[in-house]
PDB file of N, CA and C in Angstrom:
ATOM      1  N   ILE A   1      45.174 -45.808  12.171  1.00  0.00           N
ATOM      2  CA  ILE A   1      45.857 -45.709  13.444  1.00  0.00           C
ATOM      3  C   ILE A   1      44.869 -46.106  14.539  1.00  0.00           C
ATOM      4  N   LYS A   2      45.243 -47.064  15.347  1.00  0.00           N
ATOM      5  CA  LYS A   2      44.345 -47.579  16.378  1.00  0.00           C
ATOM      6  C   LYS A   2      44.359 -46.731  17.644  1.00  0.00           C
ATOM      7  N   ASN A   3      45.452 -46.047  17.919  1.00  0.00           N
ATOM      8  CA  ASN A   3      45.557 -45.195  19.093  1.00  0.00           C
ATOM      9  C   ASN A   3      44.910 -43.847  18.775  1.00  0.00           C
ATOM     10  N   SER A   4      43.825 -43.502  19.481  1.00  0.00           N
ATOM     11  CA  SER A   4      43.071 -42.285  19.147  1.00  0.00           C
ATOM     12  C   SER A   4      43.872 -41.011  19.401  1.00  0.00           C
ATOM     13  N   THR A   5      44.710 -41.003  20.424  1.00  0.00           N
ATOM     14  CA  THR A   5      45.544 -39.828  20.686  1.00  0.00           C
ATOM     15  C   THR A   5      46.531 -39.621  19.546  1.00  0.00           C
ATOM     16  N   LEU A   6      47.128 -40.686  19.094  1.00  0.00           N
ATOM     17  CA  LEU A   6      48.066 -40.603  17.974  1.00  0.00           C
ATOM     18  C   LEU A   6      47.352 -40.160  16.700  1.00  0.00           C
ATOM     19  N   ALA A   7      46.134 -40.620  16.499  1.00  0.00           N
ATOM     20  CA  ALA A   7      45.350 -40.220  15.325  1.00  0.00           C
ATOM     21  C   ALA A   7      45.051 -38.718  15.359  1.00  0.00           C
ATOM     22  N   LEU A   8      44.716 -38.190  16.535  1.00  0.00           N
ATOM     23  CA  LEU A   8      44.472 -36.750  16.670  1.00  0.00           C
ATOM     24  C   LEU A   8      45.737 -35.950  16.383  1.00  0.00           C
ATOM     25  N   LYS A   9      46.862 -36.433  16.879  1.00  0.00           N
ATOM     26  CA  LYS A   9      48.131 -35.747  16.630  1.00  0.00           C
ATOM     27  C   LYS A   9      48.449 -35.737  15.141  1.00  0.00           C
ATOM     28  N   LYS A  10      48.165 -36.829  14.463  1.00  0.00           N
ATOM     29  CA  LYS A  10      48.394 -36.895  13.017  1.00  0.00           C
ATOM     30  C   LYS A  10      47.487 -35.900  12.294  1.00  0.00           C
ATOM     31  N   GLN A  11      46.231 -35.788  12.711  1.00  0.00           N
ATOM     32  CA  GLN A  11      45.308 -34.826  12.104  1.00  0.00           C
ATOM     33  C   GLN A  11      45.793 -33.394  12.309  1.00  0.00           C
ATOM     34  N   LEU A  12      46.272 -33.093  13.501  1.00  0.00           N
ATOM     35  CA  LEU A  12      46.782 -31.754  13.785  1.00  0.00           C
ATOM     36  C   LEU A  12      48.020 -31.449  12.949  1.00  0.00           C
ATOM     37  N   PHE A  13      48.925 -32.401  12.863  1.00  0.00           N
ATOM     38  CA  PHE A  13      50.131 -32.214  12.060  1.00  0.00           C
ATOM     39  C   PHE A  13      49.758 -31.986  10.598  1.00  0.00           C
ATOM     40  N   THR A  14      48.807 -32.755  10.088  1.00  0.00           N
ATOM     41  CA  THR A  14      48.348 -32.605   8.703  1.00  0.00           C
ATOM     42  C   THR A  14      47.688 -31.246   8.496  1.00  0.00           C
ATOM     43  N   LEU A  15      46.900 -30.791   9.468  1.00  0.00           N
ATOM     44  CA  LEU A  15      46.256 -29.480   9.374  1.00  0.00           C
ATOM     45  C   LEU A  15      47.304 -28.370   9.260  1.00  0.00           C
ATOM     46  N   ILE A  16      48.343 -28.447  10.067  1.00  0.00           N
ATOM     47  CA  ILE A  16      49.418 -27.454  10.002  1.00  0.00           C
ATOM     48  C   ILE A  16      50.136 -27.546   8.663  1.00  0.00           C
ATOM     49  N   ASP A  17      50.434 -28.755   8.225  1.00  0.00           N
ATOM     50  CA  ASP A  17      51.124 -28.958   6.953  1.00  0.00           C
ATOM     51  C   ASP A  17      50.323 -28.371   5.789  1.00  0.00           C
ATOM     52  N   LYS A  18      49.027 -28.616   5.767  1.00  0.00           N
ATOM     53  CA  LYS A  18      48.182 -28.126   4.670  1.00  0.00           C
ATOM     54  C   LYS A  18      48.027 -26.607   4.689  1.00  0.00           C
ATOM     55  N   ASN A  19      48.243 -26.000   5.832  1.00  0.00           N
ATOM     56  CA  ASN A  19      48.077 -24.550   5.962  1.00  0.00           C
ATOM     57  C   ASN A  19      49.405 -23.819   6.134  1.00  0.00           C
ATOM     58  N   LEU A  20      50.498 -24.477   5.799  1.00  0.00           N
ATOM     59  CA  LEU A  20      51.817 -23.869   5.959  1.00  0.00           C
ATOM     60  C   LEU A  20      51.958 -22.592   5.134  1.00  0.00           C
ATOM     61  N   ASN A  21      51.414 -22.568   3.927  1.00  0.00           N
ATOM     62  CA  ASN A  21      51.500 -21.351   3.113  1.00  0.00           C
ATOM     63  C   ASN A  21      50.787 -20.182   3.783  1.00  0.00           C
ATOM     64  N   LEU A  22      49.647 -20.440   4.428  1.00  0.00           N
ATOM     65  CA  LEU A  22      48.954 -19.384   5.173  1.00  0.00           C
ATOM     66  C   LEU A  22      49.799 -18.904   6.351  1.00  0.00           C
ATOM     67  N   LEU A  23      50.438 -19.829   7.030  1.00  0.00           N
ATOM     68  CA  LEU A  23      51.304 -19.457   8.147  1.00  0.00           C
ATOM     69  C   LEU A  23      52.448 -18.576   7.660  1.00  0.00           C
ATOM     70  N   ILE A  24      53.066 -18.967   6.554  1.00  0.00           N
ATOM     71  CA  ILE A  24      54.173 -18.192   5.983  1.00  0.00           C
ATOM     72  C   ILE A  24      53.699 -16.797   5.579  1.00  0.00           C
ATOM     73  N   LYS A  25      52.513 -16.723   5.002  1.00  0.00           N
ATOM     74  CA  LYS A  25      51.963 -15.440   4.538  1.00  0.00           C
ATOM     75  C   LYS A  25      51.628 -14.503   5.697  1.00  0.00           C
ATOM     76  N   ASN A  26      51.096 -15.041   6.779  1.00  0.00           N
ATOM     77  CA  ASN A  26      50.562 -14.213   7.857  1.00  0.00           C
ATOM     78  C   ASN A  26      51.510 -13.953   9.021  1.00  0.00           C
ATOM     79  N   LEU A  27      52.570 -14.726   9.141  1.00  0.00           N
ATOM     80  CA  LEU A  27      53.485 -14.555  10.265  1.00  0.00           C
ATOM     81  C   LEU A  27      54.867 -14.151   9.766  1.00  0.00           C
ATOM     82  N   ASN A  28      55.568 -13.359  10.570  1.00  0.00           N
ATOM     83  CA  ASN A  28      56.955 -13.078  10.202  1.00  0.00           C
ATOM     84  C   ASN A  28      57.796 -14.303  10.563  1.00  0.00           C
ATOM     85  N   THR A  29      59.036 -14.298  10.167  1.00  0.00           N
ATOM     86  CA  THR A  29      59.889 -15.480  10.340  1.00  0.00           C
ATOM     87  C   THR A  29      60.018 -15.897  11.804  1.00  0.00           C
ATOM     88  N   ALA A  30      60.226 -14.934  12.685  1.00  0.00           N
ATOM     89  CA  ALA A  30      60.373 -15.265  14.111  1.00  0.00           C
ATOM     90  C   ALA A  30      59.084 -15.863  14.670  1.00  0.00           C
ATOM     91  N   GLU A  31      57.946 -15.281  14.299  1.00  0.00           N
ATOM     92  CA  GLU A  31      56.654 -15.799  14.770  1.00  0.00           C
ATOM     93  C   GLU A  31      56.407 -17.204  14.236  1.00  0.00           C
ATOM     94  N   LEU A  32      56.710 -17.419  12.960  1.00  0.00           N
ATOM     95  CA  LEU A  32      56.522 -18.737  12.352  1.00  0.00           C
ATOM     96  C   LEU A  32      57.398 -19.777  13.039  1.00  0.00           C
ATOM     97  N   ASN A  33      58.670 -19.452  13.220  1.00  0.00           N
ATOM     98  CA  ASN A  33      59.583 -20.387  13.881  1.00  0.00           C
ATOM     99  C   ASN A  33      59.127 -20.696  15.300  1.00  0.00           C
ATOM    100  N   ASN A  34      58.693 -19.669  16.021  1.00  0.00           N
ATOM    101  CA  ASN A  34      58.222 -19.863  17.389  1.00  0.00           C
ATOM    102  C   ASN A  34      56.970 -20.736  17.412  1.00  0.00           C
ATOM    103  N   PHE A  35      56.020 -20.445  16.518  1.00  0.00           N
ATOM    104  CA  PHE A  35      54.794 -21.243  16.461  1.00  0.00           C
ATOM    105  C   PHE A  35      55.110 -22.710  16.173  1.00  0.00           C
ATOM    106  N   LEU A  36      55.924 -22.956  15.147  1.00  0.00           N
ATOM    107  CA  LEU A  36      56.241 -24.345  14.782  1.00  0.00           C
ATOM    108  C   LEU A  36      56.976 -25.058  15.910  1.00  0.00           C
ATOM    109  N   LYS A  37      57.930 -24.387  16.535  1.00  0.00           N
ATOM    110  CA  LYS A  37      58.676 -24.996  17.638  1.00  0.00           C
ATOM    111  C   LYS A  37      57.742 -25.346  18.796  1.00  0.00           C
ATOM    112  N   GLU A  38      56.916 -24.384  19.193  1.00  0.00           N
ATOM    113  CA  GLU A  38      56.012 -24.604  20.318  1.00  0.00           C
ATOM    114  C   GLU A  38      54.940 -25.644  19.993  1.00  0.00           C
ATOM    115  N   TYR A  39      54.386 -25.575  18.788  1.00  0.00           N
ATOM    116  CA  TYR A  39      53.297 -26.483  18.449  1.00  0.00           C
ATOM    117  C   TYR A  39      53.785 -27.914  18.268  1.00  0.00           C
ATOM    118  N   LEU A  40      54.944 -28.079  17.666  1.00  0.00           N
ATOM    119  CA  LEU A  40      55.487 -29.430  17.521  1.00  0.00           C
ATOM    120  C   LEU A  40      55.831 -30.021  18.884  1.00  0.00           C
ATOM    121  N   SER A  41      56.313 -29.199  19.790  1.00  0.00           N
ATOM    122  CA  SER A  41      56.572 -29.659  21.153  1.00  0.00           C
ATOM    123  C   SER A  41      55.261 -30.046  21.838  1.00  0.00           C
ATOM    124  N   PHE A  42      54.230 -29.222  21.642  1.00  0.00           N
ATOM    125  CA  PHE A  42      52.900 -29.523  22.175  1.00  0.00           C
ATOM    126  C   PHE A  42      52.414 -30.877  21.656  1.00  0.00           C
ATOM    127  N   LEU A  43      52.552 -31.108  20.348  1.00  0.00           N
ATOM    128  CA  LEU A  43      52.108 -32.379  19.764  1.00  0.00           C
ATOM    129  C   LEU A  43      52.901 -33.558  20.319  1.00  0.00           C
ATOM    130  N   LYS A  44      54.166 -33.342  20.561  1.00  0.00           N
ATOM    131  CA  LYS A  44      55.012 -34.424  21.056  1.00  0.00           C
ATOM    132  C   LYS A  44      54.613 -34.862  22.467  1.00  0.00           C
ATOM    133  N   TYR A  45      54.262 -33.904  23.317  1.00  0.00           N
ATOM    134  CA  TYR A  45      54.069 -34.225  24.727  1.00  0.00           C
ATOM    135  C   TYR A  45      52.622 -34.307  25.202  1.00  0.00           C
ATOM    136  N   GLU A  46      51.695 -33.680  24.493  1.00  0.00           N
ATOM    137  CA  GLU A  46      50.297 -33.672  24.959  1.00  0.00           C
ATOM    138  C   GLU A  46      49.663 -35.052  24.800  1.00  0.00           C
ATOM    139  N   LYS A  47      48.993 -35.522  25.848  1.00  0.00           N
ATOM    140  CA  LYS A  47      48.358 -36.842  25.809  1.00  0.00           C
ATOM    141  C   LYS A  47      46.848 -36.779  26.048  1.00  0.00           C
ATOM    142  N   ASN A  48      46.348 -35.624  26.429  1.00  0.00           N
ATOM    143  CA  ASN A  48      44.930 -35.454  26.730  1.00  0.00           C
ATOM    144  C   ASN A  48      44.143 -35.268  25.431  1.00  0.00           C
ATOM    145  N   GLU A  49      43.249 -36.219  25.144  1.00  0.00           N
ATOM    146  CA  GLU A  49      42.477 -36.176  23.893  1.00  0.00           C
ATOM    147  C   GLU A  49      41.596 -34.937  23.788  1.00  0.00           C
ATOM    148  N   GLU A  50      41.005 -34.528  24.897  1.00  0.00           N
ATOM    149  CA  GLU A  50      40.128 -33.352  24.864  1.00  0.00           C
ATOM    150  C   GLU A  50      40.907 -32.095  24.487  1.00  0.00           C
ATOM    151  N   ILE A  51      42.093 -31.959  25.020  1.00  0.00           N
ATOM    152  CA  ILE A  51      42.931 -30.800  24.690  1.00  0.00           C
ATOM    153  C   ILE A  51      43.340 -30.852  23.221  1.00  0.00           C
ATOM    154  N   LEU A  52      43.683 -32.031  22.727  1.00  0.00           N
ATOM    155  CA  LEU A  52      44.050 -32.177  21.315  1.00  0.00           C
ATOM    156  C   LEU A  52      42.868 -31.859  20.405  1.00  0.00           C
ATOM    157  N   GLN A  53      41.676 -32.326  20.775  1.00  0.00           N
ATOM    158  CA  GLN A  53      40.481 -32.038  19.970  1.00  0.00           C
ATOM    159  C   GLN A  53      40.175 -30.546  19.957  1.00  0.00           C
ATOM    160  N   GLN A  54      40.289 -29.902  21.110  1.00  0.00           N
ATOM    161  CA  GLN A  54      40.031 -28.462  21.183  1.00  0.00           C
ATOM    162  C   GLN A  54      41.062 -27.692  20.361  1.00  0.00           C
ATOM    163  N   SER A  55      42.289 -28.124  20.410  1.00  0.00           N
ATOM    164  CA  SER A  55      43.336 -27.478  19.622  1.00  0.00           C
ATOM    165  C   SER A  55      43.049 -27.605  18.129  1.00  0.00           C
ATOM    166  N   PHE A  56      42.565 -28.776  17.708  1.00  0.00           N
ATOM    167  CA  PHE A  56      42.214 -28.977  16.298  1.00  0.00           C
ATOM    168  C   PHE A  56      41.094 -28.020  15.893  1.00  0.00           C
ATOM    169  N   ARG A  57      40.059 -27.928  16.718  1.00  0.00           N
ATOM    170  CA  ARG A  57      38.942 -27.013  16.408  1.00  0.00           C
ATOM    171  C   ARG A  57      39.419 -25.565  16.347  1.00  0.00           C
ATOM    172  N   ASN A  58      40.253 -25.181  17.304  1.00  0.00           N
ATOM    173  CA  ASN A  58      40.764 -23.809  17.331  1.00  0.00           C
ATOM    174  C   ASN A  58      41.583 -23.493  16.084  1.00  0.00           C
ATOM    175  N   LEU A  59      42.519 -24.364  15.755  1.00  0.00           N
ATOM    176  CA  LEU A  59      43.365 -24.126  14.578  1.00  0.00           C
ATOM    177  C   LEU A  59      42.549 -24.131  13.300  1.00  0.00           C
ATOM    178  N   ASN A  60      41.611 -25.039  13.192  1.00  0.00           N
ATOM    179  CA  ASN A  60      40.773 -25.115  11.998  1.00  0.00           C
ATOM    180  C   ASN A  60      40.008 -23.805  11.805  1.00  0.00           C
ATOM    181  N   GLY A  61      39.482 -23.255  12.886  1.00  0.00           N
ATOM    182  CA  GLY A  61      38.776 -21.981  12.818  1.00  0.00           C
ATOM    183  C   GLY A  61      39.696 -20.827  12.450  1.00  0.00           C
ATOM    184  N   ILE A  62      40.882 -20.818  13.026  1.00  0.00           N
ATOM    185  CA  ILE A  62      41.851 -19.758  12.729  1.00  0.00           C
ATOM    186  C   ILE A  62      42.272 -19.818  11.269  1.00  0.00           C
ATOM    187  N   PHE A  63      42.585 -21.003  10.775  1.00  0.00           N
ATOM    188  CA  PHE A  63      43.015 -21.134   9.383  1.00  0.00           C
ATOM    189  C   PHE A  63      41.885 -20.788   8.420  1.00  0.00           C
ATOM    190  N   GLY A  64      40.645 -20.965   8.835  1.00  0.00           N
ATOM    191  CA  GLY A  64      39.505 -20.594   7.999  1.00  0.00           C
ATOM    192  C   GLY A  64      39.394 -19.094   7.803  1.00  0.00           C
ATOM    193  N   ASN A  65      39.969 -18.325   8.717  1.00  0.00           N
ATOM    194  CA  ASN A  65      39.940 -16.868   8.643  1.00  0.00           C
ATOM    195  C   ASN A  65      40.839 -16.321   7.538  1.00  0.00           C
ATOM    196  N   LYS A  66      41.907 -16.996   7.208  1.00  0.00           N
ATOM    197  CA  LYS A  66      42.886 -16.640   6.170  1.00  0.00           C
ATOM    198  C   LYS A  66      43.764 -15.439   6.527  1.00  0.00           C
ATOM    199  N   ASN A  67      43.293 -14.491   7.330  1.00  0.00           N
ATOM    200  CA  ASN A  67      44.075 -13.300   7.686  1.00  0.00           C
ATOM    201  C   ASN A  67      44.331 -13.245   9.187  1.00  0.00           C
ATOM    202  N   PHE A  68      44.895 -14.296   9.737  1.00  0.00           N
ATOM    203  CA  PHE A  68      45.146 -14.367  11.165  1.00  0.00           C
ATOM    204  C   PHE A  68      46.518 -13.776  11.501  1.00  0.00           C
ATOM    205  N   THR A  69      46.741 -13.565  12.781  1.00  0.00           N
ATOM    206  CA  THR A  69      48.021 -13.057  13.277  1.00  0.00           C
ATOM    207  C   THR A  69      48.544 -14.009  14.347  1.00  0.00           C
ATOM    208  N   ALA A  70      49.746 -13.734  14.835  1.00  0.00           N
ATOM    209  CA  ALA A  70      50.296 -14.520  15.937  1.00  0.00           C
ATOM    210  C   ALA A  70      49.381 -14.415  17.156  1.00  0.00           C
ATOM    211  N   TYR A  71      48.785 -13.245  17.340  1.00  0.00           N
ATOM    212  CA  TYR A  71      47.851 -13.044  18.450  1.00  0.00           C
ATOM    213  C   TYR A  71      46.656 -13.992  18.333  1.00  0.00           C
ATOM    214  N   ASP A  72      46.139 -14.182  17.109  1.00  0.00           N
ATOM    215  CA  ASP A  72      45.019 -15.102  16.886  1.00  0.00           C
ATOM    216  C   ASP A  72      45.400 -16.536  17.234  1.00  0.00           C
ATOM    217  N   LEU A  73      46.663 -16.879  17.031  1.00  0.00           N
ATOM    218  CA  LEU A  73      47.139 -18.223  17.357  1.00  0.00           C
ATOM    219  C   LEU A  73      47.328 -18.401  18.862  1.00  0.00           C
ATOM    220  N   GLY A  74      47.200 -17.317  19.600  1.00  0.00           N
ATOM    221  CA  GLY A  74      47.246 -17.416  21.051  1.00  0.00           C
ATOM    222  C   GLY A  74      48.577 -17.084  21.673  1.00  0.00           C
ATOM    223  N   PHE A  75      49.473 -16.472  20.925  1.00  0.00           N
ATOM    224  CA  PHE A  75      50.744 -16.076  21.511  1.00  0.00           C
ATOM    225  C   PHE A  75      51.251 -14.813  20.842  1.00  0.00           C
ATOM    226  N   SER A  76      52.153 -14.168  21.540  1.00  0.00           N
ATOM    227  CA  SER A  76      52.818 -12.993  20.994  1.00  0.00           C
ATOM    228  C   SER A  76      54.302 -13.165  21.235  1.00  0.00           C
ATOM    229  N   ILE A  77      55.093 -12.989  20.219  1.00  0.00           N
ATOM    230  CA  ILE A  77      56.538 -13.176  20.322  1.00  0.00           C
ATOM    231  C   ILE A  77      57.144 -12.174  21.317  1.00  0.00           C
ATOM    232  N   GLN A  78      56.521 -11.002  21.465  1.00  0.00           N
ATOM    233  CA  GLN A  78      57.072  -9.972  22.328  1.00  0.00           C
ATOM    234  C   GLN A  78      56.945 -10.317  23.810  1.00  0.00           C
ATOM    235  N   ASN A  79      55.801 -10.888  24.211  1.00  0.00           N
ATOM    236  CA  ASN A  79      55.622 -11.110  25.643  1.00  0.00           C
ATOM    237  C   ASN A  79      55.666 -12.576  26.048  1.00  0.00           C
ATOM    238  N   ASN A  80      55.959 -13.447  25.108  1.00  0.00           N
ATOM    239  CA  ASN A  80      56.129 -14.878  25.379  1.00  0.00           C
ATOM    240  C   ASN A  80      54.966 -15.504  26.134  1.00  0.00           C
ATOM    241  N   ASP A  81      53.735 -15.084  25.807  1.00  0.00           N
ATOM    242  CA  ASP A  81      52.560 -15.727  26.390  1.00  0.00           C
ATOM    243  C   ASP A  81      52.529 -17.185  25.975  1.00  0.00           C
ATOM    244  N   GLU A  82      51.864 -17.998  26.755  1.00  0.00           N
ATOM    245  CA  GLU A  82      51.708 -19.401  26.399  1.00  0.00           C
ATOM    246  C   GLU A  82      50.860 -19.520  25.144  1.00  0.00           C
ATOM    247  N   PRO A  83      51.250 -20.371  24.199  1.00  0.00           N
ATOM    248  CA  PRO A  83      50.478 -20.512  22.961  1.00  0.00           C
ATOM    249  C   PRO A  83      49.210 -21.332  23.137  1.00  0.00           C
ATOM    250  N   PHE A  84      48.322 -21.169  22.196  1.00  0.00           N
ATOM    251  CA  PHE A  84      47.102 -21.962  22.025  1.00  0.00           C
ATOM    252  C   PHE A  84      46.133 -21.733  23.143  1.00  0.00           C
TER     253      PHE A  84
END
């Protein structure tokens, strides 16, 4: 992929895809649905490479923990804080 922003988005999507089982294990259904909806929307609209790179680093670190929560992902379903 020649477009670096698009390449970062592909890496982020792949990171989420590879860690979907961890997401299913650690989040309840509402949290999982909310995370996927918000994150896919983020990937669709975000154009800033620095923000995409930081998001990749953050998610990679969170997934490395294996026992994360919705709070670790940066949002809570109860108070609708902004994710990430």
